[in-house]
C-alpha cells in the first residue's frame, strides 16, 4: 500500500470505535477512538467491475465491492473514488485521494466492531467520515448504537451520532464495561 492510498482505508476504519457510555438523546457526541492500522499491511479490493476514468480522475468499483486490510473489512454495492488534480495517474496508484463514496448495503467490520449504513462519504481533505441511512447501526459486542447519521473526525476521533428528527437508541451491556478480576494465586 502506498502512502497515497492509506487514507482510504483509515477512513473505513475510523467508524470502528471503542465502547460508549451515553444516554438517550436526539444527538450524541463523544470522543471515540478509531482503529489504528499498520501502513505496511496489504490492501485487497474486489468488485464485479472497475471503470477508471482518467479524464475525470475517478475509479468506479461496482457490484459486490469488498475492501480488506488486516482485520478491517468493508463491503458495499458500489464505491466511487475521486482523485485530486487533473492528469494524475489514477491507474498506477500514485494519485492522491480526494473523496470516497460508498453506497448500497455498506458494512464495515473489524475483529470486535461492526457498522452498517445505506451510504458513506469519506472526505480526505477535512478528514471527516460520514455514514448515513434510515438506520445506521454500530455494534461492539452486545453494545448497540442506532441513529441515521454518523460523522467521525478521523484525526481527533470525535464522533457525532444523529437521529434525524427521531431519537438515538443505545443499548449498553454492563458486562462489556467490566474488566475481569485477576485470580489470586494460592
C-alpha atoms as a PDB file:
ATOM      1  CA  UNK A   1       0.000   0.000   0.000  1.00  0.00           C
ATOM      2  CA  UNK A   2       1.319   3.435  -0.873  1.00  0.00           C
ATOM      3  CA  UNK A   3       1.146   6.448   1.459  1.00  0.00           C
ATOM      4  CA  UNK A   4      -1.323   7.951  -1.020  1.00  0.00           C
ATOM      5  CA  UNK A   5      -3.862   5.116  -0.666  1.00  0.00           C
ATOM      6  CA  UNK A   6      -3.505   4.683   3.101  1.00  0.00           C
ATOM      7  CA  UNK A   7      -6.121   7.428   3.943  1.00  0.00           C
ATOM      8  CA  UNK A   8      -8.809   5.469   2.086  1.00  0.00           C
ATOM      9  CA  UNK A   9      -8.510   2.558   4.438  1.00  0.00           C
ATOM     10  CA  UNK A  10      -8.015   4.652   7.535  1.00  0.00           C
ATOM     11  CA  UNK A  11     -11.330   6.289   6.640  1.00  0.00           C
ATOM     12  CA  UNK A  12     -13.077   2.942   6.626  1.00  0.00           C
ATOM     13  CA  UNK A  13     -11.517   2.084   9.956  1.00  0.00           C
ATOM     14  CA  UNK A  14     -12.491   5.407  11.529  1.00  0.00           C
ATOM     15  CA  UNK A  15     -16.046   4.244  12.143  1.00  0.00           C
ATOM     16  CA  UNK A  16     -14.869   1.390  14.316  1.00  0.00           C
ATOM     17  CA  UNK A  17     -14.604   2.661  17.865  1.00  0.00           C
ATOM     18  CA  UNK A  18     -14.392   1.625  21.499  1.00  0.00           C
ATOM     19  CA  UNK A  19     -17.472   1.400  23.782  1.00  0.00           C
ATOM     20  CA  UNK A  20     -19.535   4.456  24.656  1.00  0.00           C
ATOM     21  CA  UNK A  21     -21.480   5.203  27.776  1.00  0.00           C
ATOM     22  CA  UNK A  22     -24.058   7.818  26.813  1.00  0.00           C
ATOM     23  CA  UNK A  23     -27.767   8.317  27.452  1.00  0.00           C
ATOM     24  CA  UNK A  24     -30.699   8.531  25.041  1.00  0.00           C
ATOM     25  CA  UNK A  25     -30.716  11.823  23.131  1.00  0.00           C
ATOM     26  CA  UNK A  26     -31.520  13.238  19.733  1.00  0.00           C
ATOM     27  CA  UNK A  27     -27.826  13.807  19.047  1.00  0.00           C
ATOM     28  CA  UNK A  28     -24.891  12.134  20.743  1.00  0.00           C
ATOM     29  CA  UNK A  29     -21.350  13.474  20.639  1.00  0.00           C
ATOM     30  CA  UNK A  30     -18.457  11.600  22.164  1.00  0.00           C
ATOM     31  CA  UNK A  31     -14.725  11.142  21.865  1.00  0.00           C
ATOM     32  CA  UNK A  32     -14.213   7.872  20.001  1.00  0.00           C
ATOM     33  CA  UNK A  33     -11.007   6.077  19.277  1.00  0.00           C
ATOM     34  CA  UNK A  34     -10.532   4.974  15.676  1.00  0.00           C
ATOM     35  CA  UNK A  35      -8.881   1.700  14.820  1.00  0.00           C
ATOM     36  CA  UNK A  36      -5.196   2.101  14.067  1.00  0.00           C
ATOM     37  CA  UNK A  37      -3.966   0.223  11.036  1.00  0.00           C
ATOM     38  CA  UNK A  38      -0.469  -0.654  10.027  1.00  0.00           C
ATOM     39  CA  UNK A  39       0.579   1.118   6.834  1.00  0.00           C
ATOM     40  CA  UNK A  40       2.551  -1.902   5.701  1.00  0.00           C
ATOM     41  CA  UNK A  41      -0.442  -4.257   5.535  1.00  0.00           C
ATOM     42  CA  UNK A  42      -1.663  -5.105   2.034  1.00  0.00           C
ATOM     43  CA  UNK A  43      -4.987  -3.777   0.782  1.00  0.00           C
ATOM     44  CA  UNK A  44      -7.223  -6.038  -1.277  1.00  0.00           C
ATOM     45  CA  UNK A  45     -10.097  -4.624  -3.334  1.00  0.00           C
ATOM     46  CA  UNK A  46     -12.515  -6.809  -5.275  1.00  0.00           C
ATOM     47  CA  UNK A  47     -15.609  -5.917  -7.272  1.00  0.00           C
ATOM     48  CA  UNK A  48     -17.610  -7.261 -10.179  1.00  0.00           C
ATOM     49  CA  UNK A  49     -16.417  -4.381 -12.354  1.00  0.00           C
ATOM     50  CA  UNK A  50     -13.953  -1.470 -12.292  1.00  0.00           C
ATOM     51  CA  UNK A  51     -14.079   1.575 -14.536  1.00  0.00           C
ATOM     52  CA  UNK A  52     -11.214   4.068 -14.361  1.00  0.00           C
ATOM     53  CA  UNK A  53     -11.984   7.442 -15.907  1.00  0.00           C
ATOM     54  CA  UNK A  54      -8.576   9.105 -16.242  1.00  0.00           C
ATOM     55  CA  UNK A  55     -10.049  12.348 -17.613  1.00  0.00           C
ATOM     56  CA  UNK A  56     -12.384  12.673 -14.583  1.00  0.00           C
ATOM     57  CA  UNK A  57      -9.871  11.341 -12.050  1.00  0.00           C
ATOM     58  CA  UNK A  58     -12.295   8.682 -10.811  1.00  0.00           C
ATOM     59  CA  UNK A  59     -12.300   4.965 -10.223  1.00  0.00           C
ATOM     60  CA  UNK A  60     -15.734   3.351 -10.024  1.00  0.00           C
ATOM     61  CA  UNK A  61     -15.946  -0.090  -8.394  1.00  0.00           C
ATOM     62  CA  UNK A  62     -19.378  -1.659  -8.963  1.00  0.00           C
ATOM     63  CA  UNK A  63     -21.039  -4.832  -7.783  1.00  0.00           C
ATOM     64  CA  UNK A  64     -20.130  -6.706  -4.609  1.00  0.00           C
ATOM     65  CA  UNK A  65     -17.299  -4.361  -3.596  1.00  0.00           C
ATOM     66  CA  UNK A  66     -15.011  -5.771  -0.913  1.00  0.00           C
ATOM     67  CA  UNK A  67     -12.090  -3.889   0.671  1.00  0.00           C
ATOM     68  CA  UNK A  68      -9.854  -5.702   3.165  1.00  0.00           C
ATOM     69  CA  UNK A  69      -6.827  -4.555   5.128  1.00  0.00           C
ATOM     70  CA  UNK A  70      -5.746  -6.522   8.176  1.00  0.00           C
ATOM     71  CA  UNK A  71      -8.796  -7.109  10.382  1.00  0.00           C
ATOM     72  CA  UNK A  72     -10.842  -4.344   8.719  1.00  0.00           C
ATOM     73  CA  UNK A  73     -13.319  -5.399   6.017  1.00  0.00           C
ATOM     74  CA  UNK A  74     -15.711  -3.107   4.144  1.00  0.00           C
ATOM     75  CA  UNK A  75     -18.395  -4.246   1.718  1.00  0.00           C
ATOM     76  CA  UNK A  76     -20.811  -2.194  -0.392  1.00  0.00           C
ATOM     77  CA  UNK A  77     -22.674  -2.410  -3.663  1.00  0.00           C
ATOM     78  CA  UNK A  78     -20.628   0.426  -5.205  1.00  0.00           C
ATOM     79  CA  UNK A  79     -17.568   2.562  -4.418  1.00  0.00           C
ATOM     80  CA  UNK A  80     -16.583   5.724  -6.299  1.00  0.00           C
ATOM     81  CA  UNK A  81     -13.106   7.147  -5.621  1.00  0.00           C
ATOM     82  CA  UNK A  82     -12.344  10.749  -6.677  1.00  0.00           C
ATOM     83  CA  UNK A  83      -8.692  11.721  -7.088  1.00  0.00           C
ATOM     84  CA  UNK A  84      -7.159  15.201  -6.775  1.00  0.00           C
ATOM     85  CA  UNK A  85      -5.869  17.203  -9.702  1.00  0.00           C
ATOM     86  CA  UNK A  86      -6.034  16.666 -13.402  1.00  0.00           C
ATOM     87  CA  UNK A  87      -3.737  14.337 -15.228  1.00  0.00           C
ATOM     88  CA  UNK A  88      -2.792  12.313 -12.137  1.00  0.00           C
ATOM     89  CA  UNK A  89      -2.021   8.697 -12.883  1.00  0.00           C
ATOM     90  CA  UNK A  90      -5.052   7.030 -11.305  1.00  0.00           C
ATOM     91  CA  UNK A  91      -4.189   3.597 -12.621  1.00  0.00           C
ATOM     92  CA  UNK A  92      -0.643   3.483 -11.227  1.00  0.00           C
ATOM     93  CA  UNK A  93      -1.662   4.149  -7.608  1.00  0.00           C
ATOM     94  CA  UNK A  94       0.164   7.498  -7.358  1.00  0.00           C
ATOM     95  CA  UNK A  95      -2.889   9.787  -7.376  1.00  0.00           C
ATOM     96  CA  UNK A  96      -3.991  11.392  -4.102  1.00  0.00           C
ATOM     97  CA  UNK A  97      -7.495  10.523  -2.950  1.00  0.00           C
ATOM     98  CA  UNK A  98      -9.925  13.447  -2.626  1.00  0.00           C
ATOM     99  CA  UNK A  99     -13.196  11.724  -1.643  1.00  0.00           C
ATOM    100  CA  UNK A 100     -14.685   8.241  -1.493  1.00  0.00           C
ATOM    101  CA  UNK A 101     -18.390   7.474  -1.797  1.00  0.00           C
ATOM    102  CA  UNK A 102     -19.816   4.049  -0.996  1.00  0.00           C
ATOM    103  CA  UNK A 103     -23.439   3.051  -1.429  1.00  0.00           C
ATOM    104  CA  UNK A 104     -25.782   0.139  -1.028  1.00  0.00           C
ATOM    105  CA  UNK A 105     -25.575  -2.212   1.942  1.00  0.00           C
ATOM    106  CA  UNK A 106     -22.449  -0.632   3.437  1.00  0.00           C
ATOM    107  CA  UNK A 107     -20.920  -2.854   6.129  1.00  0.00           C
ATOM    108  CA  UNK A 108     -17.624  -2.165   7.912  1.00  0.00           C
ATOM    109  CA  UNK A 109     -16.293  -4.796  10.311  1.00  0.00           C
ATOM    110  CA  UNK A 110     -13.225  -5.334  12.438  1.00  0.00           C
ATOM    111  CA  UNK A 111     -12.473  -8.187  14.797  1.00  0.00           C
ATOM    112  CA  UNK A 112     -14.622  -6.505  17.520  1.00  0.00           C
ATOM    113  CA  UNK A 113     -16.864  -3.883  15.848  1.00  0.00           C
ATOM    114  CA  UNK A 114     -19.391  -3.578  13.052  1.00  0.00           C
ATOM    115  CA  UNK A 115     -21.079  -0.576  11.366  1.00  0.00           C
ATOM    116  CA  UNK A 116     -23.891  -0.730   8.806  1.00  0.00           C
ATOM    117  CA  UNK A 117     -25.404   2.067   6.699  1.00  0.00           C
ATOM    118  CA  UNK A 118     -27.029   2.780   3.352  1.00  0.00           C
ATOM    119  CA  UNK A 119     -24.181   5.006   2.174  1.00  0.00           C
ATOM    120  CA  UNK A 120     -20.917   6.584   3.247  1.00  0.00           C
ATOM    121  CA  UNK A 121     -18.793   9.586   2.297  1.00  0.00           C
ATOM    122  CA  UNK A 122     -15.130   9.985   3.212  1.00  0.00           C
ATOM    123  CA  UNK A 123     -13.528  13.410   2.709  1.00  0.00           C
ATOM    124  CA  UNK A 124      -9.761  13.028   2.838  1.00  0.00           C
ATOM    125  CA  UNK A 125      -9.176  16.816   2.882  1.00  0.00           C
ATOM    126  CA  UNK A 126     -11.205  17.511   6.027  1.00  0.00           C
ATOM    127  CA  UNK A 127     -10.591  14.010   7.425  1.00  0.00           C
ATOM    128  CA  UNK A 128     -14.334  13.532   8.015  1.00  0.00           C
ATOM    129  CA  UNK A 129     -16.119  10.224   7.506  1.00  0.00           C
ATOM    130  CA  UNK A 130     -19.919  10.171   7.288  1.00  0.00           C
ATOM    131  CA  UNK A 131     -22.221   7.135   7.318  1.00  0.00           C
ATOM    132  CA  UNK A 132     -25.918   7.693   6.597  1.00  0.00           C
ATOM    133  CA  UNK A 133     -29.100   5.740   6.175  1.00  0.00           C
ATOM    134  CA  UNK A 134     -32.533   5.011   7.539  1.00  0.00           C
ATOM    135  CA  UNK A 135     -30.727   3.047  10.284  1.00  0.00           C
ATOM    136  CA  UNK A 136     -27.019   3.469  10.902  1.00  0.00           C
ATOM    137  CA  UNK A 137     -26.173   0.684  13.342  1.00  0.00           C
ATOM    138  CA  UNK A 138     -22.932   0.368  15.273  1.00  0.00           C
ATOM    139  CA  UNK A 139     -22.178  -2.671  17.415  1.00  0.00           C
ATOM    140  CA  UNK A 140     -19.356  -3.693  19.690  1.00  0.00           C
ATOM    141  CA  UNK A 141     -20.027  -6.945  21.474  1.00  0.00           C
ATOM    142  CA  UNK A 142     -23.512  -6.595  22.950  1.00  0.00           C
ATOM    143  CA  UNK A 143     -23.444  -2.767  22.836  1.00  0.00           C
ATOM    144  CA  UNK A 144     -25.642  -1.328  20.070  1.00  0.00           C
ATOM    145  CA  UNK A 145     -25.904   2.289  18.830  1.00  0.00           C
ATOM    146  CA  UNK A 146     -28.622   3.284  16.331  1.00  0.00           C
ATOM    147  CA  UNK A 147     -29.120   6.595  14.543  1.00  0.00           C
ATOM    148  CA  UNK A 148     -29.353   7.805  10.969  1.00  0.00           C
ATOM    149  CA  UNK A 149     -26.078   9.723  10.520  1.00  0.00           C
ATOM    150  CA  UNK A 150     -22.637   9.155  11.998  1.00  0.00           C
ATOM    151  CA  UNK A 151     -19.934  11.791  11.495  1.00  0.00           C
ATOM    152  CA  UNK A 152     -16.391  10.916  12.586  1.00  0.00           C
ATOM    153  CA  UNK A 153     -13.499  13.400  12.626  1.00  0.00           C
ATOM    154  CA  UNK A 154     -10.755  10.931  11.761  1.00  0.00           C
ATOM    155  CA  UNK A 155      -7.858  12.975  13.167  1.00  0.00           C
ATOM    156  CA  UNK A 156      -9.391  13.634  16.589  1.00  0.00           C
ATOM    157  CA  UNK A 157     -11.674  10.616  16.995  1.00  0.00           C
ATOM    158  CA  UNK A 158     -14.597  12.909  17.911  1.00  0.00           C
ATOM    159  CA  UNK A 159     -17.829  11.450  16.568  1.00  0.00           C
ATOM    160  CA  UNK A 160     -21.444  12.530  16.435  1.00  0.00           C
ATOM    161  CA  UNK A 161     -24.432  10.211  16.004  1.00  0.00           C
ATOM    162  CA  UNK A 162     -27.594  11.997  14.815  1.00  0.00           C
ATOM    163  CA  UNK A 163     -31.185  10.844  14.961  1.00  0.00           C
ATOM    164  CA  UNK A 164     -32.533  12.981  12.062  1.00  0.00           C
ATOM    165  CA  UNK A 165     -35.675  14.034  13.936  1.00  0.00           C
ATOM    166  CA  UNK A 166     -36.155  10.766  15.773  1.00  0.00           C
ATOM    167  CA  UNK A 167     -34.173   9.575  18.789  1.00  0.00           C
ATOM    168  CA  UNK A 168     -30.755   7.974  19.045  1.00  0.00           C
ATOM    169  CA  UNK A 169     -31.096   4.490  20.523  1.00  0.00           C
ATOM    170  CA  UNK A 170     -28.379   2.907  22.619  1.00  0.00           C
ATOM    171  CA  UNK A 171     -28.282  -0.482  24.299  1.00  0.00           C
ATOM    172  CA  UNK A 172     -25.358  -0.957  26.670  1.00  0.00           C
ATOM    173  CA  UNK A 173     -24.332  -4.278  28.171  1.00  0.00           C
ATOM    174  CA  UNK A 174     -22.972  -3.642  31.682  1.00  0.00           C
ATOM    175  CA  UNK A 175     -20.769  -6.721  31.373  1.00  0.00           C
ATOM    176  CA  UNK A 176     -18.885  -5.142  28.462  1.00  0.00           C
ATOM    177  CA  UNK A 177     -17.604  -2.345  30.725  1.00  0.00           C
ATOM    178  CA  UNK A 178     -16.267  -4.673  33.415  1.00  0.00           C
ATOM    179  CA  UNK A 179     -12.678  -5.786  33.461  1.00  0.00           C
ATOM    180  CA  UNK A 180     -12.029  -9.295  34.736  1.00  0.00           C
ATOM    181  CA  UNK A 181     -10.631  -9.535  38.251  1.00  0.00           C
ATOM    182  CA  UNK A 182      -7.302 -11.357  38.293  1.00  0.00           C
ATOM    183  CA  UNK A 183      -7.374 -14.631  40.137  1.00  0.00           C
ATOM    184  CA  UNK A 184      -5.259 -14.810  43.255  1.00  0.00           C
ATOM    185  CA  UNK A 185      -2.564 -17.423  43.369  1.00  0.00           C
ATOM    186  CA  UNK A 186      -2.896 -19.959  46.216  1.00  0.00           C
END
